[in-house]
Amino acid sequence: MKFQVFGDYDVGVNTFWDHVFFVPEFINELYRVGLNFERHEILSEKIEDNGHRERSLKAYPNFDLPAPLRKHMGSQFHYIERGRYDRVGQRWITDIHIPKFGQKLTIRSTMSFRPNGGNRSIRHVEFDVNVNVFGFRRLLEPFLERTLKETYERARIVTNDWIHANLPADVRHQAGHAP
C-alpha cells in the first residue's frame, strides 16, 4: 500500500534540516509532547563529513490499537526506525521495523521538502507499507494509513510551534532552498 502526506512548514528547506530536524531538544519535544509517546531513545547516530547522517531510534507510541492488534502486540508495543539523511538530495529515508511482526510488516518512507515562497516549505512524505501477516492485513493497512497520516499532521503542528518558540526570527526568516 502506497500513500503520501503533505504539510506546510514555517521555515525554508535548509533551515528545517540545519536548525530543526536533528536538534536533540526538538526530537524530545516532538516525541514526548507532540506525539505523546510513552518514551523514545536514540540507539545510534552517525554523522559523516559530507553531511550524510544515519540514526536508529526505538519508540514506544501510545496508539489506540484495535483489540485484536492490542492482544497480539502486548503491553510493550514499540518499533525501531532506521533513518538515513541524504544531504545532497535533502531526503530522510526511513525503514520502520516492528519486532512483533518480524519481516511480515515493513514501513518505508521518504521525506523531502520543497520551497514554498521565502521562508516557508512544503513537506512531502511517500509511504510504502507492506503487510504480510495472515489474518491482519485488512485490519492493519487502514489502521497504519490513518495513524501515519494523523501522526505526521500532529508532527507538522508541533514542529511549527517549536520553530516559532525556539528559533530566532533571523534564522526562521532565512530563505531555504534545496541545492
Foldseek 3Di string as FASTA:
>chain_A
DKDKDKDKALFAQVLCVPPADPDPVNVCCLQVPLQVWPDKDWPDKDADPVGKIKTKMKTHGPDPADPVVCVQQDDRWIKIKIWIADQQQRKIWIWIGGVSCGVQKIKIKIWGWAFDPFGMIMIMMMIDIGHRDPPCPVPPPVVVVVVVNVSVVSSRVSRNVCCVVPPPPVSSRGHYHRD
